[in-house]
Structures are given as structure tokens and as C-alpha cells.
mmCIF file of all heavy atoms, coordinates in Angstrom:
data_MODEL
# 
_entry.id   MODEL 
# 
loop_
_atom_site.group_PDB 
_atom_site.id 
_atom_site.type_symbol 
_atom_site.label_atom_id 
_atom_site.label_alt_id 
_atom_site.label_comp_id 
_atom_site.label_asym_id 
_atom_site.label_entity_id 
_atom_site.label_seq_id 
_atom_site.pdbx_PDB_ins_code 
_atom_site.Cartn_x 
_atom_site.Cartn_y 
_atom_site.Cartn_z 
_atom_site.occupancy 
_atom_site.B_iso_or_equiv 
_atom_site.pdbx_formal_charge 
_atom_site.auth_seq_id 
_atom_site.auth_comp_id 
_atom_site.auth_asym_id 
_atom_site.auth_atom_id 
_atom_site.pdbx_PDB_model_num 
ATOM 1   N N   . ASP A 1 1  ? 110.715 95.490  93.779 1.00 0.00 ? 1  ASP A N   1 
ATOM 2   C CA  . ASP A 1 1  ? 109.973 96.258  94.747 1.00 0.00 ? 1  ASP A CA  1 
ATOM 3   C C   . ASP A 1 1  ? 110.379 97.784  94.772 1.00 0.00 ? 1  ASP A C   1 
ATOM 4   O O   . ASP A 1 1  ? 109.750 98.667  95.386 1.00 0.00 ? 1  ASP A O   1 
ATOM 5   C CB  . ASP A 1 1  ? 110.178 95.789  96.233 1.00 0.00 ? 1  ASP A CB  1 
ATOM 6   C CG  . ASP A 1 1  ? 109.712 94.395  96.505 1.00 0.00 ? 1  ASP A CG  1 
ATOM 7   O OD1 . ASP A 1 1  ? 108.922 94.027  95.796 1.00 0.00 ? 1  ASP A OD1 1 
ATOM 8   O OD2 . ASP A 1 1  ? 110.375 93.812  97.308 1.00 0.00 ? 1  ASP A OD2 1 
ATOM 9   N N   . VAL A 1 2  ? 111.437 98.085  93.970 1.00 0.00 ? 2  VAL A N   1 
ATOM 10  C CA  . VAL A 1 2  ? 111.901 99.482  94.019 1.00 0.00 ? 2  VAL A CA  1 
ATOM 11  C C   . VAL A 1 2  ? 110.985 100.501 93.398 1.00 0.00 ? 2  VAL A C   1 
ATOM 12  O O   . VAL A 1 2  ? 110.717 100.283 92.143 1.00 0.00 ? 2  VAL A O   1 
ATOM 13  C CB  . VAL A 1 2  ? 113.332 99.639  93.314 1.00 0.00 ? 2  VAL A CB  1 
ATOM 14  C CG1 . VAL A 1 2  ? 113.847 100.970 93.249 1.00 0.00 ? 2  VAL A CG1 1 
ATOM 15  C CG2 . VAL A 1 2  ? 114.345 98.668  94.116 1.00 0.00 ? 2  VAL A CG2 1 
ATOM 16  N N   . THR A 1 3  ? 110.429 101.245 94.168 1.00 0.00 ? 3  THR A N   1 
ATOM 17  C CA  . THR A 1 3  ? 109.469 102.278 93.553 1.00 0.00 ? 3  THR A CA  1 
ATOM 18  C C   . THR A 1 3  ? 109.974 103.760 93.934 1.00 0.00 ? 3  THR A C   1 
ATOM 19  O O   . THR A 1 3  ? 109.984 104.102 95.102 1.00 0.00 ? 3  THR A O   1 
ATOM 20  C CB  . THR A 1 3  ? 108.161 102.232 94.077 1.00 0.00 ? 3  THR A CB  1 
ATOM 21  O OG1 . THR A 1 3  ? 108.094 102.006 95.477 1.00 0.00 ? 3  THR A OG1 1 
ATOM 22  C CG2 . THR A 1 3  ? 107.447 101.071 93.456 1.00 0.00 ? 3  THR A CG2 1 
ATOM 23  N N   . LEU A 1 4  ? 110.677 104.336 93.003 1.00 0.00 ? 4  LEU A N   1 
ATOM 24  C CA  . LEU A 1 4  ? 111.300 105.637 93.209 1.00 0.00 ? 4  LEU A CA  1 
ATOM 25  C C   . LEU A 1 4  ? 110.643 106.672 92.095 1.00 0.00 ? 4  LEU A C   1 
ATOM 26  O O   . LEU A 1 4  ? 110.569 106.283 90.999 1.00 0.00 ? 4  LEU A O   1 
ATOM 27  C CB  . LEU A 1 4  ? 112.725 105.638 93.173 1.00 0.00 ? 4  LEU A CB  1 
ATOM 28  C CG  . LEU A 1 4  ? 113.521 104.869 94.286 1.00 0.00 ? 4  LEU A CG  1 
ATOM 29  C CD1 . LEU A 1 4  ? 114.986 104.703 93.914 1.00 0.00 ? 4  LEU A CD1 1 
ATOM 30  C CD2 . LEU A 1 4  ? 113.365 105.552 95.661 1.00 0.00 ? 4  LEU A CD2 1 
ATOM 31  N N   . ILE A 1 5  ? 110.315 107.830 92.633 1.00 0.00 ? 5  ILE A N   1 
ATOM 32  C CA  . ILE A 1 5  ? 109.944 108.983 91.549 1.00 0.00 ? 5  ILE A CA  1 
ATOM 33  C C   . ILE A 1 5  ? 111.042 109.115 90.598 1.00 0.00 ? 5  ILE A C   1 
ATOM 34  O O   . ILE A 1 5  ? 112.260 109.273 90.944 1.00 0.00 ? 5  ILE A O   1 
ATOM 35  C CB  . ILE A 1 5  ? 109.625 110.281 92.311 1.00 0.00 ? 5  ILE A CB  1 
ATOM 36  C CG1 . ILE A 1 5  ? 108.465 109.996 93.312 1.00 0.00 ? 5  ILE A CG1 1 
ATOM 37  C CG2 . ILE A 1 5  ? 109.317 111.364 91.360 1.00 0.00 ? 5  ILE A CG2 1 
ATOM 38  C CD1 . ILE A 1 5  ? 108.244 111.141 94.332 1.00 0.00 ? 5  ILE A CD1 1 
ATOM 39  N N   . GLY A 1 6  ? 110.675 109.010 89.373 1.00 0.00 ? 6  GLY A N   1 
ATOM 40  C CA  . GLY A 1 6  ? 111.647 109.156 88.346 1.00 0.00 ? 6  GLY A CA  1 
ATOM 41  C C   . GLY A 1 6  ? 112.162 107.964 87.783 1.00 0.00 ? 6  GLY A C   1 
ATOM 42  O O   . GLY A 1 6  ? 112.858 107.906 86.672 1.00 0.00 ? 6  GLY A O   1 
ATOM 43  N N   . LEU A 1 7  ? 111.847 106.803 88.324 1.00 0.00 ? 7  LEU A N   1 
ATOM 44  C CA  . LEU A 1 7  ? 112.324 105.504 87.838 1.00 0.00 ? 7  LEU A CA  1 
ATOM 45  C C   . LEU A 1 7  ? 111.291 104.813 87.121 1.00 0.00 ? 7  LEU A C   1 
ATOM 46  O O   . LEU A 1 7  ? 110.249 104.416 87.790 1.00 0.00 ? 7  LEU A O   1 
ATOM 47  C CB  . LEU A 1 7  ? 112.937 104.641 89.019 1.00 0.00 ? 7  LEU A CB  1 
ATOM 48  C CG  . LEU A 1 7  ? 113.464 103.240 88.663 1.00 0.00 ? 7  LEU A CG  1 
ATOM 49  C CD1 . LEU A 1 7  ? 114.846 103.375 87.767 1.00 0.00 ? 7  LEU A CD1 1 
ATOM 50  C CD2 . LEU A 1 7  ? 113.899 102.415 89.858 1.00 0.00 ? 7  LEU A CD2 1 
ATOM 51  N N   . ASN A 1 8  ? 111.351 104.487 85.845 1.00 0.00 ? 8  ASN A N   1 
ATOM 52  C CA  . ASN A 1 8  ? 110.344 103.874 85.073 1.00 0.00 ? 8  ASN A CA  1 
ATOM 53  C C   . ASN A 1 8  ? 110.497 102.288 85.302 1.00 0.00 ? 8  ASN A C   1 
ATOM 54  O O   . ASN A 1 8  ? 111.579 101.745 85.576 1.00 0.00 ? 8  ASN A O   1 
ATOM 55  C CB  . ASN A 1 8  ? 110.312 104.227 83.726 1.00 0.00 ? 8  ASN A CB  1 
ATOM 56  C CG  . ASN A 1 8  ? 111.529 103.853 82.794 1.00 0.00 ? 8  ASN A CG  1 
ATOM 57  O OD1 . ASN A 1 8  ? 112.034 102.753 82.939 1.00 0.00 ? 8  ASN A OD1 1 
ATOM 58  N ND2 . ASN A 1 8  ? 111.929 104.690 81.952 1.00 0.00 ? 8  ASN A ND2 1 
ATOM 59  N N   . LYS A 1 9  ? 109.457 101.574 84.945 1.00 0.00 ? 9  LYS A N   1 
ATOM 60  C CA  . LYS A 1 9  ? 109.415 100.143 85.200 1.00 0.00 ? 9  LYS A CA  1 
ATOM 61  C C   . LYS A 1 9  ? 110.443 99.405  84.344 1.00 0.00 ? 9  LYS A C   1 
ATOM 62  O O   . LYS A 1 9  ? 111.055 98.454  84.923 1.00 0.00 ? 9  LYS A O   1 
ATOM 63  C CB  . LYS A 1 9  ? 108.013 99.680  84.738 1.00 0.00 ? 9  LYS A CB  1 
ATOM 64  C CG  . LYS A 1 9  ? 107.637 98.360  85.178 1.00 0.00 ? 9  LYS A CG  1 
ATOM 65  C CD  . LYS A 1 9  ? 106.947 98.326  86.599 1.00 0.00 ? 9  LYS A CD  1 
ATOM 66  C CE  . LYS A 1 9  ? 106.484 96.866  87.020 1.00 0.00 ? 9  LYS A CE  1 
ATOM 67  N NZ  . LYS A 1 9  ? 106.774 96.645  88.499 1.00 0.00 ? 9  LYS A NZ  1 
ATOM 68  N N   . GLU A 1 10 ? 110.726 99.871  83.165 1.00 0.00 ? 10 GLU A N   1 
ATOM 69  C CA  . GLU A 1 10 ? 111.627 99.215  82.294 1.00 0.00 ? 10 GLU A CA  1 
ATOM 70  C C   . GLU A 1 10 ? 113.019 99.321  82.814 1.00 0.00 ? 10 GLU A C   1 
ATOM 71  O O   . GLU A 1 10 ? 113.851 98.260  82.597 1.00 0.00 ? 10 GLU A O   1 
ATOM 72  C CB  . GLU A 1 10 ? 111.711 99.815  80.921 1.00 0.00 ? 10 GLU A CB  1 
ATOM 73  C CG  . GLU A 1 10 ? 110.493 99.355  79.915 1.00 0.00 ? 10 GLU A CG  1 
ATOM 74  C CD  . GLU A 1 10 ? 110.689 99.879  78.627 1.00 0.00 ? 10 GLU A CD  1 
ATOM 75  O OE1 . GLU A 1 10 ? 111.312 100.867 78.234 1.00 0.00 ? 10 GLU A OE1 1 
ATOM 76  O OE2 . GLU A 1 10 ? 110.256 99.100  77.682 1.00 0.00 ? 10 GLU A OE2 1 
ATOM 77  N N   . ARG A 1 11 ? 113.434 100.406 83.376 1.00 0.00 ? 11 ARG A N   1 
ATOM 78  C CA  . ARG A 1 11 ? 114.811 100.540 83.954 1.00 0.00 ? 11 ARG A CA  1 
ATOM 79  C C   . ARG A 1 11 ? 115.016 99.933  85.286 1.00 0.00 ? 11 ARG A C   1 
ATOM 80  O O   . ARG A 1 11 ? 116.186 99.548  85.635 1.00 0.00 ? 11 ARG A O   1 
ATOM 81  C CB  . ARG A 1 11 ? 115.037 102.150 84.092 1.00 0.00 ? 11 ARG A CB  1 
ATOM 82  C CG  . ARG A 1 11 ? 116.291 102.605 84.650 1.00 0.00 ? 11 ARG A CG  1 
ATOM 83  C CD  . ARG A 1 11 ? 117.581 102.219 83.825 1.00 0.00 ? 11 ARG A CD  1 
ATOM 84  N NE  . ARG A 1 11 ? 117.431 102.705 82.417 1.00 0.00 ? 11 ARG A NE  1 
ATOM 85  C CZ  . ARG A 1 11 ? 118.409 102.577 81.573 1.00 0.00 ? 11 ARG A CZ  1 
ATOM 86  N NH1 . ARG A 1 11 ? 119.481 101.794 81.772 1.00 0.00 ? 11 ARG A NH1 1 
ATOM 87  N NH2 . ARG A 1 11 ? 118.262 102.971 80.221 1.00 0.00 ? 11 ARG A NH2 1 
ATOM 88  N N   . GLN A 1 12 ? 113.858 99.552  86.059 1.00 0.00 ? 12 GLN A N   1 
ATOM 89  C CA  . GLN A 1 12 ? 113.950 98.946  87.386 1.00 0.00 ? 12 GLN A CA  1 
ATOM 90  C C   . GLN A 1 12 ? 115.009 97.829  87.499 1.00 0.00 ? 12 GLN A C   1 
ATOM 91  O O   . GLN A 1 12 ? 115.756 97.914  88.495 1.00 0.00 ? 12 GLN A O   1 
ATOM 92  C CB  . GLN A 1 12 ? 112.553 98.576  87.649 1.00 0.00 ? 12 GLN A CB  1 
ATOM 93  C CG  . GLN A 1 12 ? 112.351 98.256  89.140 1.00 0.00 ? 12 GLN A CG  1 
ATOM 94  C CD  . GLN A 1 12 ? 110.935 97.723  89.386 1.00 0.00 ? 12 GLN A CD  1 
ATOM 95  O OE1 . GLN A 1 12 ? 110.389 96.888  88.647 1.00 0.00 ? 12 GLN A OE1 1 
ATOM 96  N NE2 . GLN A 1 12 ? 110.191 98.199  90.466 1.00 0.00 ? 12 GLN A NE2 1 
ATOM 97  N N   . PRO A 1 13 ? 114.861 96.797  86.750 1.00 0.00 ? 13 PRO A N   1 
ATOM 98  C CA  . PRO A 1 13 ? 115.650 95.607  86.920 1.00 0.00 ? 13 PRO A CA  1 
ATOM 99  C C   . PRO A 1 13 ? 117.243 95.865  86.923 1.00 0.00 ? 13 PRO A C   1 
ATOM 100 O O   . PRO A 1 13 ? 118.076 95.271  87.613 1.00 0.00 ? 13 PRO A O   1 
ATOM 101 C CB  . PRO A 1 13 ? 115.391 94.660  85.780 1.00 0.00 ? 13 PRO A CB  1 
ATOM 102 C CG  . PRO A 1 13 ? 114.108 95.143  85.205 1.00 0.00 ? 13 PRO A CG  1 
ATOM 103 C CD  . PRO A 1 13 ? 114.023 96.547  85.486 1.00 0.00 ? 13 PRO A CD  1 
ATOM 104 N N   . THR A 1 14 ? 117.719 96.918  86.111 1.00 0.00 ? 14 THR A N   1 
ATOM 105 C CA  . THR A 1 14 ? 119.132 97.096  86.068 1.00 0.00 ? 14 THR A CA  1 
ATOM 106 C C   . THR A 1 14 ? 119.608 98.394  86.751 1.00 0.00 ? 14 THR A C   1 
ATOM 107 O O   . THR A 1 14 ? 120.801 98.688  86.813 1.00 0.00 ? 14 THR A O   1 
ATOM 108 C CB  . THR A 1 14 ? 119.574 97.229  84.568 1.00 0.00 ? 14 THR A CB  1 
ATOM 109 O OG1 . THR A 1 14 ? 118.780 98.290  84.040 1.00 0.00 ? 14 THR A OG1 1 
ATOM 110 C CG2 . THR A 1 14 ? 119.261 95.876  83.852 1.00 0.00 ? 14 THR A CG2 1 
ATOM 111 N N   . PHE A 1 15 ? 118.681 99.029  87.302 1.00 0.00 ? 15 PHE A N   1 
ATOM 112 C CA  . PHE A 1 15 ? 119.024 100.331 87.935 1.00 0.00 ? 15 PHE A CA  1 
ATOM 113 C C   . PHE A 1 15 ? 120.095 100.225 89.029 1.00 0.00 ? 15 PHE A C   1 
ATOM 114 O O   . PHE A 1 15 ? 120.971 100.960 89.136 1.00 0.00 ? 15 PHE A O   1 
ATOM 115 C CB  . PHE A 1 15 ? 117.851 101.086 88.411 1.00 0.00 ? 15 PHE A CB  1 
ATOM 116 C CG  . PHE A 1 15 ? 117.997 102.412 89.159 1.00 0.00 ? 15 PHE A CG  1 
ATOM 117 C CD1 . PHE A 1 15 ? 118.278 103.394 88.265 1.00 0.00 ? 15 PHE A CD1 1 
ATOM 118 C CD2 . PHE A 1 15 ? 117.833 102.646 90.524 1.00 0.00 ? 15 PHE A CD2 1 
ATOM 119 C CE1 . PHE A 1 15 ? 118.468 104.683 88.799 1.00 0.00 ? 15 PHE A CE1 1 
ATOM 120 C CE2 . PHE A 1 15 ? 118.089 103.803 90.984 1.00 0.00 ? 15 PHE A CE2 1 
ATOM 121 C CZ  . PHE A 1 15 ? 118.371 105.000 90.155 1.00 0.00 ? 15 PHE A CZ  1 
ATOM 122 N N   . SER A 1 16 ? 119.757 99.329  89.930 1.00 0.00 ? 16 SER A N   1 
ATOM 123 C CA  . SER A 1 16 ? 120.765 99.157  91.164 1.00 0.00 ? 16 SER A CA  1 
ATOM 124 C C   . SER A 1 16 ? 122.151 98.801  90.822 1.00 0.00 ? 16 SER A C   1 
ATOM 125 O O   . SER A 1 16 ? 123.089 99.435  91.333 1.00 0.00 ? 16 SER A O   1 
ATOM 126 C CB  . SER A 1 16 ? 120.253 98.043  92.078 1.00 0.00 ? 16 SER A CB  1 
ATOM 127 O OG  . SER A 1 16 ? 118.855 98.318  92.591 1.00 0.00 ? 16 SER A OG  1 
ATOM 128 N N   . ALA A 1 17 ? 122.357 97.961  89.821 1.00 0.00 ? 17 ALA A N   1 
ATOM 129 C CA  . ALA A 1 17 ? 123.731 97.684  89.334 1.00 0.00 ? 17 ALA A CA  1 
ATOM 130 C C   . ALA A 1 17 ? 124.356 98.955  88.704 1.00 0.00 ? 17 ALA A C   1 
ATOM 131 O O   . ALA A 1 17 ? 125.480 99.323  89.010 1.00 0.00 ? 17 ALA A O   1 
ATOM 132 C CB  . ALA A 1 17 ? 123.706 96.542  88.254 1.00 0.00 ? 17 ALA A CB  1 
ATOM 133 N N   . GLY A 1 18 ? 123.559 99.737  87.928 1.00 0.00 ? 18 GLY A N   1 
ATOM 134 C CA  . GLY A 1 18 ? 124.085 101.038 87.416 1.00 0.00 ? 18 GLY A CA  1 
ATOM 135 C C   . GLY A 1 18 ? 124.434 101.967 88.461 1.00 0.00 ? 18 GLY A C   1 
ATOM 136 O O   . GLY A 1 18 ? 125.613 102.642 88.402 1.00 0.00 ? 18 GLY A O   1 
ATOM 137 N N   . VAL A 1 19 ? 123.752 102.132 89.548 1.00 0.00 ? 19 VAL A N   1 
ATOM 138 C CA  . VAL A 1 19 ? 123.990 102.973 90.720 1.00 0.00 ? 19 VAL A CA  1 
ATOM 139 C C   . VAL A 1 19 ? 125.324 102.559 91.376 1.00 0.00 ? 19 VAL A C   1 
ATOM 140 O O   . VAL A 1 19 ? 126.168 103.381 91.677 1.00 0.00 ? 19 VAL A O   1 
ATOM 141 C CB  . VAL A 1 19 ? 122.976 102.992 91.702 1.00 0.00 ? 19 VAL A CB  1 
ATOM 142 C CG1 . VAL A 1 19 ? 123.434 103.827 92.995 1.00 0.00 ? 19 VAL A CG1 1 
ATOM 143 C CG2 . VAL A 1 19 ? 121.581 103.727 91.197 1.00 0.00 ? 19 VAL A CG2 1 
ATOM 144 N N   . ALA A 1 20 ? 125.545 101.185 91.445 1.00 0.00 ? 20 ALA A N   1 
ATOM 145 C CA  . ALA A 1 20 ? 126.769 100.657 92.194 1.00 0.00 ? 20 ALA A CA  1 
ATOM 146 C C   . ALA A 1 20 ? 127.966 101.075 91.256 1.00 0.00 ? 20 ALA A C   1 
ATOM 147 O O   . ALA A 1 20 ? 129.024 101.418 91.710 1.00 0.00 ? 20 ALA A O   1 
ATOM 148 C CB  . ALA A 1 20 ? 126.669 99.156  92.268 1.00 0.00 ? 20 ALA A CB  1 
ATOM 149 N N   . ILE A 1 21 ? 127.798 101.005 89.912 1.00 0.00 ? 21 ILE A N   1 
ATOM 150 C CA  . ILE A 1 21 ? 128.956 101.112 88.989 1.00 0.00 ? 21 ILE A CA  1 
ATOM 151 C C   . ILE A 1 21 ? 129.328 102.607 89.091 1.00 0.00 ? 21 ILE A C   1 
ATOM 152 O O   . ILE A 1 21 ? 130.533 102.882 89.321 1.00 0.00 ? 21 ILE A O   1 
ATOM 153 C CB  . ILE A 1 21 ? 128.553 100.636 87.560 1.00 0.00 ? 21 ILE A CB  1 
ATOM 154 C CG1 . ILE A 1 21 ? 128.420 99.123  87.371 1.00 0.00 ? 21 ILE A CG1 1 
ATOM 155 C CG2 . ILE A 1 21 ? 129.579 101.201 86.481 1.00 0.00 ? 21 ILE A CG2 1 
ATOM 156 C CD1 . ILE A 1 21 ? 127.743 98.659  86.137 1.00 0.00 ? 21 ILE A CD1 1 
ATOM 157 N N   . LEU A 1 22 ? 128.435 103.498 88.991 1.00 0.00 ? 22 LEU A N   1 
ATOM 158 C CA  . LEU A 1 22 ? 128.652 104.943 88.961 1.00 0.00 ? 22 LEU A CA  1 
ATOM 159 C C   . LEU A 1 22 ? 129.253 105.382 90.265 1.00 0.00 ? 22 LEU A C   1 
ATOM 160 O O   . LEU A 1 22 ? 130.263 106.091 90.300 1.00 0.00 ? 22 LEU A O   1 
ATOM 161 C CB  . LEU A 1 22 ? 127.421 105.714 88.680 1.00 0.00 ? 22 LEU A CB  1 
ATOM 162 C CG  . LEU A 1 22 ? 127.648 107.288 88.278 1.00 0.00 ? 22 LEU A CG  1 
ATOM 163 C CD1 . LEU A 1 22 ? 128.689 107.438 87.144 1.00 0.00 ? 22 LEU A CD1 1 
ATOM 164 C CD2 . LEU A 1 22 ? 126.388 107.940 88.085 1.00 0.00 ? 22 LEU A CD2 1 
ATOM 165 N N   . THR A 1 23 ? 128.783 104.889 91.383 1.00 0.00 ? 23 THR A N   1 
ATOM 166 C CA  . THR A 1 23 ? 129.386 105.195 92.637 1.00 0.00 ? 23 THR A CA  1 
ATOM 167 C C   . THR A 1 23 ? 130.747 104.764 92.784 1.00 0.00 ? 23 THR A C   1 
ATOM 168 O O   . THR A 1 23 ? 131.613 105.568 93.360 1.00 0.00 ? 23 THR A O   1 
ATOM 169 C CB  . THR A 1 23 ? 128.409 104.574 93.779 1.00 0.00 ? 23 THR A CB  1 
ATOM 170 O OG1 . THR A 1 23 ? 127.010 104.850 93.600 1.00 0.00 ? 23 THR A OG1 1 
ATOM 171 C CG2 . THR A 1 23 ? 128.847 105.072 95.236 1.00 0.00 ? 23 THR A CG2 1 
ATOM 172 N N   . ALA A 1 24 ? 131.009 103.556 92.235 1.00 0.00 ? 24 ALA A N   1 
ATOM 173 C CA  . ALA A 1 24 ? 132.401 103.186 92.234 1.00 0.00 ? 24 ALA A CA  1 
ATOM 174 C C   . ALA A 1 24 ? 133.308 103.883 91.525 1.00 0.00 ? 24 ALA A C   1 
ATOM 175 O O   . ALA A 1 24 ? 134.579 104.148 91.858 1.00 0.00 ? 24 ALA A O   1 
ATOM 176 C CB  . ALA A 1 24 ? 132.451 101.651 91.955 1.00 0.00 ? 24 ALA A CB  1 
# 
């Protein structure tokens, strides 16, 4: 359901995990 400006459909499934990793 994640729809954010700048986020393409292909990146959508793994984006949240990537954000968690970088924040940590």
C-alpha cells in the first residue's frame, strides 16, 4: 500500500527494510 512520491513500484517491497537498516 506504500505510495510515496519518489518511490517506484519495483523498489516498494524492500524499501521499508532498507529504511530500518539505514536508520539503525
